[in-house]
PDB file of N, CA and C in Angstrom:
ATOM      1  N   MET A   1       7.052   3.229   7.956  1.00  0.00           N
ATOM      2  CA  MET A   1       7.776   4.176   7.149  1.00  0.00           C
ATOM      3  C   MET A   1       6.771   5.090   6.461  1.00  0.00           C
ATOM      4  N   ASP A   2       7.079   6.342   6.433  1.00  0.00           N
ATOM      5  CA  ASP A   2       6.215   7.316   5.788  1.00  0.00           C
ATOM      6  C   ASP A   2       6.903   7.835   4.533  1.00  0.00           C
ATOM      7  N   GLN A   3       6.338   7.530   3.395  1.00  0.00           N
ATOM      8  CA  GLN A   3       6.866   7.971   2.101  1.00  0.00           C
ATOM      9  C   GLN A   3       8.352   7.618   1.937  1.00  0.00           C
ATOM     10  N   PRO A   4       8.717   6.347   2.051  1.00  0.00           N
ATOM     11  CA  PRO A   4      10.134   5.978   2.049  1.00  0.00           C
ATOM     12  C   PRO A   4      10.868   6.245   0.739  1.00  0.00           C
ATOM     13  N   THR A   5      10.143   6.353  -0.367  1.00  0.00           N
ATOM     14  CA  THR A   5      10.818   6.579  -1.658  1.00  0.00           C
ATOM     15  C   THR A   5      10.747   8.037  -2.101  1.00  0.00           C
ATOM     16  N   ASN A   6      10.220   8.900  -1.273  1.00  0.00           N
ATOM     17  CA  ASN A   6       9.927  10.280  -1.660  1.00  0.00           C
ATOM     18  C   ASN A   6      11.113  11.051  -2.227  1.00  0.00           C
ATOM     19  N   HIS A   7      12.269  10.964  -1.626  1.00  0.00           N
ATOM     20  CA  HIS A   7      13.406  11.783  -2.057  1.00  0.00           C
ATOM     21  C   HIS A   7      14.549  10.940  -2.601  1.00  0.00           C
ATOM     22  N   LEU A   8      14.225   9.753  -3.116  1.00  0.00           N
ATOM     23  CA  LEU A   8      15.264   8.874  -3.640  1.00  0.00           C
ATOM     24  C   LEU A   8      15.320   8.941  -5.162  1.00  0.00           C
ATOM     25  N   ASP A   9      16.523   8.731  -5.702  1.00  0.00           N
ATOM     26  CA  ASP A   9      16.632   8.617  -7.152  1.00  0.00           C
ATOM     27  C   ASP A   9      16.200   7.220  -7.570  1.00  0.00           C
ATOM     28  N   LEU A  10      16.067   6.986  -8.866  1.00  0.00           N
ATOM     29  CA  LEU A  10      15.539   5.726  -9.367  1.00  0.00           C
ATOM     30  C   LEU A  10      16.358   4.524  -8.915  1.00  0.00           C
ATOM     31  N   GLU A  11      17.665   4.637  -8.935  1.00  0.00           N
ATOM     32  CA  GLU A  11      18.527   3.529  -8.513  1.00  0.00           C
ATOM     33  C   GLU A  11      18.313   3.196  -7.032  1.00  0.00           C
ATOM     34  N   SER A  12      18.190   4.209  -6.213  1.00  0.00           N
ATOM     35  CA  SER A  12      17.958   3.999  -4.780  1.00  0.00           C
ATOM     36  C   SER A  12      16.580   3.401  -4.521  1.00  0.00           C
ATOM     37  N   ILE A  13      15.583   3.828  -5.293  1.00  0.00           N
ATOM     38  CA  ILE A  13      14.233   3.274  -5.150  1.00  0.00           C
ATOM     39  C   ILE A  13      14.244   1.788  -5.484  1.00  0.00           C
ATOM     40  N   GLN A  14      14.919   1.427  -6.556  1.00  0.00           N
ATOM     41  CA  GLN A  14      14.999   0.020  -6.948  1.00  0.00           C
ATOM     42  C   GLN A  14      15.695  -0.808  -5.870  1.00  0.00           C
ATOM     43  N   SER A  15      16.764  -0.290  -5.331  1.00  0.00           N
ATOM     44  CA  SER A  15      17.494  -0.995  -4.279  1.00  0.00           C
ATOM     45  C   SER A  15      16.627  -1.145  -3.027  1.00  0.00           C
ATOM     46  N   PHE A  16      15.966  -0.070  -2.638  1.00  0.00           N
ATOM     47  CA  PHE A  16      15.092  -0.113  -1.467  1.00  0.00           C
ATOM     48  C   PHE A  16      13.937  -1.093  -1.692  1.00  0.00           C
ATOM     49  N   ASN A  17      13.384  -1.069  -2.899  1.00  0.00           N
ATOM     50  CA  ASN A  17      12.294  -1.950  -3.270  1.00  0.00           C
ATOM     51  C   ASN A  17      12.706  -3.414  -3.106  1.00  0.00           C
ATOM     52  N   GLU A  18      13.858  -3.781  -3.606  1.00  0.00           N
ATOM     53  CA  GLU A  18      14.369  -5.150  -3.478  1.00  0.00           C
ATOM     54  C   GLU A  18      14.582  -5.518  -2.009  1.00  0.00           C
ATOM     55  N   SER A  19      15.150  -4.590  -1.257  1.00  0.00           N
ATOM     56  CA  SER A  19      15.402  -4.852   0.164  1.00  0.00           C
ATOM     57  C   SER A  19      14.097  -5.058   0.929  1.00  0.00           C
ATOM     58  N   ALA A  20      13.111  -4.220   0.657  1.00  0.00           N
ATOM     59  CA  ALA A  20      11.825  -4.344   1.354  1.00  0.00           C
ATOM     60  C   ALA A  20      11.132  -5.650   0.974  1.00  0.00           C
ATOM     61  N   THR A  21      11.225  -6.037  -0.291  1.00  0.00           N
ATOM     62  CA  THR A  21      10.607  -7.276  -0.751  1.00  0.00           C
ATOM     63  C   THR A  21      11.259  -8.492  -0.108  1.00  0.00           C
ATOM     64  N   ASN A  22      12.568  -8.449   0.076  1.00  0.00           N
ATOM     65  CA  ASN A  22      13.305  -9.581   0.640  1.00  0.00           C
ATOM     66  C   ASN A  22      13.360  -9.577   2.164  1.00  0.00           C
ATOM     67  N   PHE A  23      12.912  -8.514   2.797  1.00  0.00           N
ATOM     68  CA  PHE A  23      12.946  -8.412   4.249  1.00  0.00           C
ATOM     69  C   PHE A  23      12.033  -9.475   4.862  1.00  0.00           C
ATOM     70  N   PRO A  24      12.538 -10.283   5.802  1.00  0.00           N
ATOM     71  CA  PRO A  24      11.740 -11.389   6.327  1.00  0.00           C
ATOM     72  C   PRO A  24      10.673 -10.971   7.345  1.00  0.00           C
ATOM     73  N   GLY A  25      10.725  -9.757   7.832  1.00  0.00           N
ATOM     74  CA  GLY A  25       9.782  -9.310   8.852  1.00  0.00           C
ATOM     75  C   GLY A  25       8.637  -8.513   8.270  1.00  0.00           C
ATOM     76  N   ASN A  26       7.993  -7.751   9.122  1.00  0.00           N
ATOM     77  CA  ASN A  26       6.866  -6.907   8.729  1.00  0.00           C
ATOM     78  C   ASN A  26       7.317  -5.466   8.589  1.00  0.00           C
ATOM     79  N   ILE A  27       6.727  -4.772   7.637  1.00  0.00           N
ATOM     80  CA  ILE A  27       6.983  -3.350   7.444  1.00  0.00           C
ATOM     81  C   ILE A  27       5.633  -2.659   7.323  1.00  0.00           C
ATOM     82  N   ILE A  28       5.444  -1.622   8.093  1.00  0.00           N
ATOM     83  CA  ILE A  28       4.250  -0.797   7.957  1.00  0.00           C
ATOM     84  C   ILE A  28       4.691   0.478   7.258  1.00  0.00           C
ATOM     85  N   LEU A  29       4.028   0.800   6.128  1.00  0.00           N
ATOM     86  CA  LEU A  29       4.444   1.974   5.374  1.00  0.00           C
ATOM     87  C   LEU A  29       3.254   2.660   4.750  1.00  0.00           C
ATOM     88  N   SER A  30       3.460   3.908   4.420  1.00  0.00           N
ATOM     89  CA  SER A  30       2.495   4.673   3.636  1.00  0.00           C
ATOM     90  C   SER A  30       3.261   5.301   2.486  1.00  0.00           C
ATOM     91  N   SER A  31       2.624   5.352   1.337  1.00  0.00           N
ATOM     92  CA  SER A  31       3.321   5.885   0.169  1.00  0.00           C
ATOM     93  C   SER A  31       2.320   6.319  -0.885  1.00  0.00           C
ATOM     94  N   HIS A  32       2.682   7.324  -1.660  1.00  0.00           N
ATOM     95  CA  HIS A  32       1.908   7.729  -2.831  1.00  0.00           C
ATOM     96  C   HIS A  32       2.485   7.100  -4.090  1.00  0.00           C
ATOM     97  N   ASP A  33       3.539   6.321  -3.956  1.00  0.00           N
ATOM     98  CA  ASP A  33       4.204   5.683  -5.093  1.00  0.00           C
ATOM     99  C   ASP A  33       3.478   4.372  -5.410  1.00  0.00           C
ATOM    100  N   HIS A  34       2.606   4.427  -6.406  1.00  0.00           N
ATOM    101  CA  HIS A  34       1.774   3.279  -6.753  1.00  0.00           C
ATOM    102  C   HIS A  34       2.623   2.059  -7.118  1.00  0.00           C
ATOM    103  N   THR A  35       3.640   2.250  -7.919  1.00  0.00           N
ATOM    104  CA  THR A  35       4.497   1.136  -8.335  1.00  0.00           C
ATOM    105  C   THR A  35       5.171   0.493  -7.140  1.00  0.00           C
ATOM    106  N   PHE A  36       5.662   1.291  -6.227  1.00  0.00           N
ATOM    107  CA  PHE A  36       6.299   0.772  -5.020  1.00  0.00           C
ATOM    108  C   PHE A  36       5.301  -0.056  -4.218  1.00  0.00           C
ATOM    109  N   MET A  37       4.114   0.481  -4.033  1.00  0.00           N
ATOM    110  CA  MET A  37       3.099  -0.241  -3.254  1.00  0.00           C
ATOM    111  C   MET A  37       2.713  -1.555  -3.936  1.00  0.00           C
ATOM    112  N   GLN A  38       2.568  -1.538  -5.248  1.00  0.00           N
ATOM    113  CA  GLN A  38       2.193  -2.744  -5.968  1.00  0.00           C
ATOM    114  C   GLN A  38       3.287  -3.803  -5.865  1.00  0.00           C
ATOM    115  N   THR A  39       4.527  -3.375  -5.866  1.00  0.00           N
ATOM    116  CA  THR A  39       5.646  -4.306  -5.843  1.00  0.00           C
ATOM    117  C   THR A  39       5.898  -4.866  -4.445  1.00  0.00           C
ATOM    118  N   VAL A  40       5.754  -4.054  -3.419  1.00  0.00           N
ATOM    119  CA  VAL A  40       6.167  -4.432  -2.065  1.00  0.00           C
ATOM    120  C   VAL A  40       5.012  -4.959  -1.210  1.00  0.00           C
ATOM    121  N   ALA A  41       3.855  -4.341  -1.293  1.00  0.00           N
ATOM    122  CA  ALA A  41       2.760  -4.669  -0.370  1.00  0.00           C
ATOM    123  C   ALA A  41       2.115  -6.012  -0.694  1.00  0.00           C
ATOM    124  N   ASN A  42       1.888  -6.814   0.344  1.00  0.00           N
ATOM    125  CA  ASN A  42       1.121  -8.046   0.183  1.00  0.00           C
ATOM    126  C   ASN A  42      -0.074  -8.058   1.143  1.00  0.00           C
ATOM    127  N   ARG A  43      -0.251  -6.958   1.853  1.00  0.00           N
ATOM    128  CA  ARG A  43      -1.415  -6.763   2.710  1.00  0.00           C
ATOM    129  C   ARG A  43      -1.691  -5.268   2.762  1.00  0.00           C
ATOM    130  N   VAL A  44      -2.961  -4.898   2.630  1.00  0.00           N
ATOM    131  CA  VAL A  44      -3.345  -3.492   2.654  1.00  0.00           C
ATOM    132  C   VAL A  44      -4.312  -3.277   3.805  1.00  0.00           C
ATOM    133  N   ILE A  45      -3.988  -2.320   4.661  1.00  0.00           N
ATOM    134  CA  ILE A  45      -4.884  -1.923   5.739  1.00  0.00           C
ATOM    135  C   ILE A  45      -5.164  -0.438   5.523  1.00  0.00           C
ATOM    136  N   GLU A  46      -6.402  -0.137   5.190  1.00  0.00           N
ATOM    137  CA  GLU A  46      -6.800   1.255   4.966  1.00  0.00           C
ATOM    138  C   GLU A  46      -7.584   1.730   6.177  1.00  0.00           C
ATOM    139  N   ILE A  47      -7.150   2.826   6.753  1.00  0.00           N
ATOM    140  CA  ILE A  47      -7.834   3.407   7.903  1.00  0.00           C
ATOM    141  C   ILE A  47      -8.835   4.428   7.371  1.00  0.00           C
ATOM    142  N   THR A  48     -10.115   4.214   7.678  1.00  0.00           N
ATOM    143  CA  THR A  48     -11.179   5.081   7.189  1.00  0.00           C
ATOM    144  C   THR A  48     -11.819   5.796   8.377  1.00  0.00           C
ATOM    145  N   PRO A  49     -12.674   6.769   8.114  1.00  0.00           N
ATOM    146  CA  PRO A  49     -13.350   7.467   9.219  1.00  0.00           C
ATOM    147  C   PRO A  49     -14.207   6.542  10.094  1.00  0.00           C
ATOM    148  N   GLU A  50     -14.645   5.395   9.544  1.00  0.00           N
ATOM    149  CA  GLU A  50     -15.534   4.512  10.300  1.00  0.00           C
ATOM    150  C   GLU A  50     -14.913   3.169  10.638  1.00  0.00           C
ATOM    151  N   GLY A  51     -13.622   3.042  10.516  1.00  0.00           N
ATOM    152  CA  GLY A  51     -12.976   1.769  10.818  1.00  0.00           C
ATOM    153  C   GLY A  51     -11.902   1.449   9.799  1.00  0.00           C
ATOM    154  N   THR A  52     -11.522   0.190   9.743  1.00  0.00           N
ATOM    155  CA  THR A  52     -10.459  -0.201   8.830  1.00  0.00           C
ATOM    156  C   THR A  52     -10.959  -1.206   7.797  1.00  0.00           C
ATOM    157  N   ILE A  53     -10.296  -1.196   6.651  1.00  0.00           N
ATOM    158  CA  ILE A  53     -10.463  -2.227   5.633  1.00  0.00           C
ATOM    159  C   ILE A  53      -9.135  -2.962   5.604  1.00  0.00           C
ATOM    160  N   ASP A  54      -9.161  -4.248   5.818  1.00  0.00           N
ATOM    161  CA  ASP A  54      -7.938  -5.046   5.936  1.00  0.00           C
ATOM    162  C   ASP A  54      -8.017  -6.218   4.958  1.00  0.00           C
ATOM    163  N   ARG A  55      -7.107  -6.259   3.992  1.00  0.00           N
ATOM    164  CA  ARG A  55      -7.098  -7.334   3.002  1.00  0.00           C
ATOM    165  C   ARG A  55      -5.674  -7.840   2.780  1.00  0.00           C
ATOM    166  N   ILE A  56      -5.528  -9.157   2.704  1.00  0.00           N
ATOM    167  CA  ILE A  56      -4.249  -9.753   2.329  1.00  0.00           C
ATOM    168  C   ILE A  56      -4.290  -9.934   0.818  1.00  0.00           C
ATOM    169  N   THR A  57      -3.677  -9.005   0.118  1.00  0.00           N
ATOM    170  CA  THR A  57      -3.707  -8.961  -1.340  1.00  0.00           C
ATOM    171  C   THR A  57      -2.675  -7.955  -1.831  1.00  0.00           C
ATOM    172  N   ASP A  58      -2.399  -7.955  -3.123  1.00  0.00           N
ATOM    173  CA  ASP A  58      -1.518  -6.921  -3.652  1.00  0.00           C
ATOM    174  C   ASP A  58      -2.324  -5.634  -3.848  1.00  0.00           C
ATOM    175  N   PHE A  59      -1.629  -4.539  -4.076  1.00  0.00           N
ATOM    176  CA  PHE A  59      -2.254  -3.217  -4.076  1.00  0.00           C
ATOM    177  C   PHE A  59      -3.276  -3.049  -5.200  1.00  0.00           C
ATOM    178  N   ASP A  60      -2.948  -3.466  -6.432  1.00  0.00           N
ATOM    179  CA  ASP A  60      -3.882  -3.312  -7.546  1.00  0.00           C
ATOM    180  C   ASP A  60      -5.147  -4.141  -7.340  1.00  0.00           C
ATOM    181  N   SER A  61      -4.995  -5.355  -6.835  1.00  0.00           N
ATOM    182  CA  SER A  61      -6.169  -6.196  -6.573  1.00  0.00           C
ATOM    183  C   SER A  61      -7.038  -5.575  -5.492  1.00  0.00           C
ATOM    184  N   TYR A  62      -6.404  -4.952  -4.505  1.00  0.00           N
ATOM    185  CA  TYR A  62      -7.145  -4.261  -3.451  1.00  0.00           C
ATOM    186  C   TYR A  62      -7.991  -3.140  -4.043  1.00  0.00           C
ATOM    187  N   LEU A  63      -7.377  -2.319  -4.881  1.00  0.00           N
ATOM    188  CA  LEU A  63      -8.090  -1.182  -5.455  1.00  0.00           C
ATOM    189  C   LEU A  63      -9.222  -1.596  -6.386  1.00  0.00           C
ATOM    190  N   SER A  64      -9.075  -2.734  -7.063  1.00  0.00           N
ATOM    191  CA  SER A  64     -10.097  -3.162  -8.017  1.00  0.00           C
ATOM    192  C   SER A  64     -11.144  -4.093  -7.416  1.00  0.00           C
ATOM    193  N   ASN A  65     -11.007  -4.465  -6.140  1.00  0.00           N
ATOM    194  CA  ASN A  65     -11.946  -5.360  -5.486  1.00  0.00           C
ATOM    195  C   ASN A  65     -13.295  -4.662  -5.320  1.00  0.00           C
ATOM    196  N   PRO A  66     -14.389  -5.241  -5.863  1.00  0.00           N
ATOM    197  CA  PRO A  66     -15.706  -4.597  -5.773  1.00  0.00           C
ATOM    198  C   PRO A  66     -16.165  -4.329  -4.337  1.00  0.00           C
ATOM    199  N   GLU A  67     -15.889  -5.240  -3.424  1.00  0.00           N
ATOM    200  CA  GLU A  67     -16.287  -5.036  -2.031  1.00  0.00           C
ATOM    201  C   GLU A  67     -15.536  -3.860  -1.419  1.00  0.00           C
ATOM    202  N   VAL A  68     -14.251  -3.768  -1.705  1.00  0.00           N
ATOM    203  CA  VAL A  68     -13.449  -2.655  -1.201  1.00  0.00           C
ATOM    204  C   VAL A  68     -13.942  -1.344  -1.807  1.00  0.00           C
ATOM    205  N   GLN A  69     -14.256  -1.351  -3.106  1.00  0.00           N
ATOM    206  CA  GLN A  69     -14.768  -0.136  -3.752  1.00  0.00           C
ATOM    207  C   GLN A  69     -16.075   0.307  -3.098  1.00  0.00           C
ATOM    208  N   ARG A  70     -16.950  -0.645  -2.779  1.00  0.00           N
ATOM    209  CA  ARG A  70     -18.222  -0.320  -2.114  1.00  0.00           C
ATOM    210  C   ARG A  70     -17.968   0.293  -0.735  1.00  0.00           C
ATOM    211  N   LEU A  71     -17.047  -0.316   0.038  1.00  0.00           N
ATOM    212  CA  LEU A  71     -16.737   0.211   1.365  1.00  0.00           C
ATOM    213  C   LEU A  71     -16.136   1.602   1.279  1.00  0.00           C
ATOM    214  N   ARG A  72     -15.235   1.808   0.308  1.00  0.00           N
ATOM    215  CA  ARG A  72     -14.600   3.122   0.172  1.00  0.00           C
ATOM    216  C   ARG A  72     -15.631   4.180  -0.217  1.00  0.00           C
ATOM    217  N   GLU A  73     -16.555   3.830  -1.089  1.00  0.00           N
ATOM    218  CA  GLU A  73     -17.621   4.767  -1.466  1.00  0.00           C
ATOM    219  C   GLU A  73     -18.479   5.119  -0.251  1.00  0.00           C
ATOM    220  N   LYS A  74     -18.773   4.107   0.556  1.00  0.00           N
ATOM    221  CA  LYS A  74     -19.574   4.333   1.764  1.00  0.00           C
ATOM    222  C   LYS A  74     -18.845   5.267   2.720  1.00  0.00           C
ATOM    223  N   TYR A  75     -17.559   5.028   2.955  1.00  0.00           N
ATOM    224  CA  TYR A  75     -16.800   5.808   3.916  1.00  0.00           C
ATOM    225  C   TYR A  75     -16.500   7.227   3.432  1.00  0.00           C
ATOM    226  N   TYR A  76     -16.254   7.376   2.146  1.00  0.00           N
ATOM    227  CA  TYR A  76     -15.779   8.664   1.656  1.00  0.00           C
ATOM    228  C   TYR A  76     -16.835   9.485   0.925  1.00  0.00           C
ATOM    229  N   SER A  77     -18.053   8.986   0.804  1.00  0.00           N
ATOM    230  CA  SER A  77     -19.089   9.746   0.100  1.00  0.00           C
ATOM    231  C   SER A  77     -19.845  10.695   1.014  1.00  0.00           C
ATOM    232  N   LYS A  78     -19.510  10.674   2.288  1.00  0.00           N
ATOM    233  CA  LYS A  78     -20.210  11.525   3.274  1.00  0.00           C
ATOM    234  C   LYS A  78     -19.694  12.924   3.254  1.00  0.00           C
TER     235      LYS A  78
END
């Protein structure tokens, strides 16, 4: 899904959020909605110019992970 909450009102976002959290399968999504990502994501795969960073973690822990920060600096400082 690409930006699934982009044009939804708050009530619809909450409903979608609950549905995605309770969905028993896998969902691949991209979003700029930090709260949505923190609530729904339990694995983050970031595609970089030199490969991927793949972590099984919530979104905030991913962003604050020192190893991930080092890799992101390496990939994006060029």
